[in-house]
Every structure is written in C-alpha cells, then in structure tokens.
Amino acid sequence: MSDTLIAIIAAFAIIAAALMAGLAYRLNEKWAEHCNRFADLCDEQNGLLKRLNREWYEAYVKMVDMKAEAKHE
C-alpha cells in the first residue's frame, strides 16, 4: 500500500472518531434531559401520592371516629 492511501484512511478514521465523539456527547445531553424530565415527573407524582395518602388517612380517621361515636350512642 502506498503512503498516500494509508494517510487518507487515517484521515477518514480521525474524522469518524471526531464525529462519533460529537454524537456521543449529543446523545448524552439528550439522555440527561430525558432523565431530568423523568425525575421531575416522579417528584410531581410523589407529591400527588403523598396528598392522596393524607386524604385517605383523614377519611379513615373520620370513619373510625364516626363508628366510635355511633357505638357510644
């Protein structure tokens, strides 16, 4: 093989490596954005579940109190 052909192949390999590094960086950026959105969604869902659990607990306490009052009447 001639030195020119080897130099051309090496240049293409360097260009391909640079493009792959750029693509990997962009994919990592997009993946980080996706993970952040998912984490925000999970935080929002956890807040809703906490509120719902609190409402269920309060309803349960009211039911127990009503039963206790009915039993003592």
Protein backbone atom coordinates (compact mmCIF):
# COMPACT_ATOMS: atom_id res chain seq x y z
CA MET A 1 0.00 0.00 0.00
CA SER A 2 1.18 3.46 -0.70
CA ASP A 3 1.74 6.05 1.99
CA THR A 4 -0.92 8.29 0.41
CA LEU A 5 -3.62 5.63 0.76
CA ILE A 6 -2.67 4.98 4.38
CA ALA A 7 -2.78 8.75 5.08
CA ILE A 8 -6.26 9.01 3.51
CA ILE A 9 -7.53 6.05 5.56
CA ALA A 10 -6.04 7.59 8.72
CA ALA A 11 -7.69 10.95 7.95
CA PHE A 12 -11.07 9.26 7.50
CA ALA A 13 -10.55 7.36 10.77
CA ILE A 14 -9.79 10.62 12.59
CA ILE A 15 -12.87 12.30 11.10
CA ALA A 16 -15.04 9.30 12.02
CA ALA A 17 -13.70 9.33 15.58
CA ALA A 18 -14.46 13.05 15.92
CA LEU A 19 -17.99 12.55 14.57
CA MET A 20 -18.59 9.62 16.93
CA ALA A 21 -17.39 11.71 19.89
CA GLY A 22 -19.75 14.53 18.90
CA LEU A 23 -22.65 12.12 18.50
CA ALA A 24 -21.91 10.51 21.86
CA TYR A 25 -21.87 13.95 23.50
CA ARG A 26 -25.24 14.90 21.96
CA LEU A 27 -26.78 11.56 22.93
CA ASN A 28 -25.53 12.02 26.48
CA GLU A 29 -27.02 15.53 26.57
CA LYS A 30 -30.39 14.30 25.33
CA TRP A 31 -30.33 11.38 27.77
CA ALA A 32 -29.59 13.78 30.66
CA GLU A 33 -32.54 15.99 29.63
CA HIS A 34 -34.78 12.92 29.46
CA CYS A 35 -33.65 11.78 32.92
CA ASN A 36 -34.27 15.24 34.37
CA ARG A 37 -37.79 15.35 32.92
CA PHE A 38 -38.46 11.87 34.28
CA ALA A 39 -37.15 12.88 37.73
CA ASP A 40 -39.42 15.96 37.70
CA LEU A 41 -42.38 13.78 36.75
CA CYS A 42 -41.56 11.35 39.56
CA ASP A 43 -41.33 14.22 42.06
CA GLU A 44 -44.70 15.52 40.94
CA GLN A 45 -46.24 12.06 41.15
CA ASN A 46 -44.79 11.53 44.64
CA GLY A 47 -46.32 14.80 45.77
CA LEU A 48 -49.71 13.75 44.45
CA LEU A 49 -49.42 10.35 46.12
CA LYS A 50 -48.49 11.95 49.44
CA ARG A 51 -51.52 14.22 49.23
CA LEU A 52 -53.78 11.33 48.24
CA ASN A 53 -52.46 9.16 51.07
CA ARG A 54 -53.05 12.00 53.51
CA GLU A 55 -56.64 12.41 52.27
CA TRP A 56 -57.27 8.66 52.56
CA TYR A 57 -55.83 8.66 56.08
CA GLU A 58 -58.02 11.59 57.12
CA ALA A 59 -61.10 9.88 55.64
CA TYR A 60 -60.21 6.68 57.53
CA VAL A 61 -59.83 8.60 60.81
CA LYS A 62 -63.23 10.26 60.25
CA MET A 63 -64.81 6.86 59.58
CA VAL A 64 -63.30 5.38 62.75
CA ASP A 65 -64.46 8.39 64.79
CA MET A 66 -67.98 8.12 63.35
CA LYS A 67 -68.13 4.41 64.18
CA ALA A 68 -66.89 5.11 67.70
CA GLU A 69 -69.49 7.84 68.18
CA ALA A 70 -72.25 5.57 66.83
CA LYS A 71 -71.17 2.79 69.18
CA HIS A 72 -71.30 5.07 72.24
CA GLU A 73 -74.73 6.47 71.44
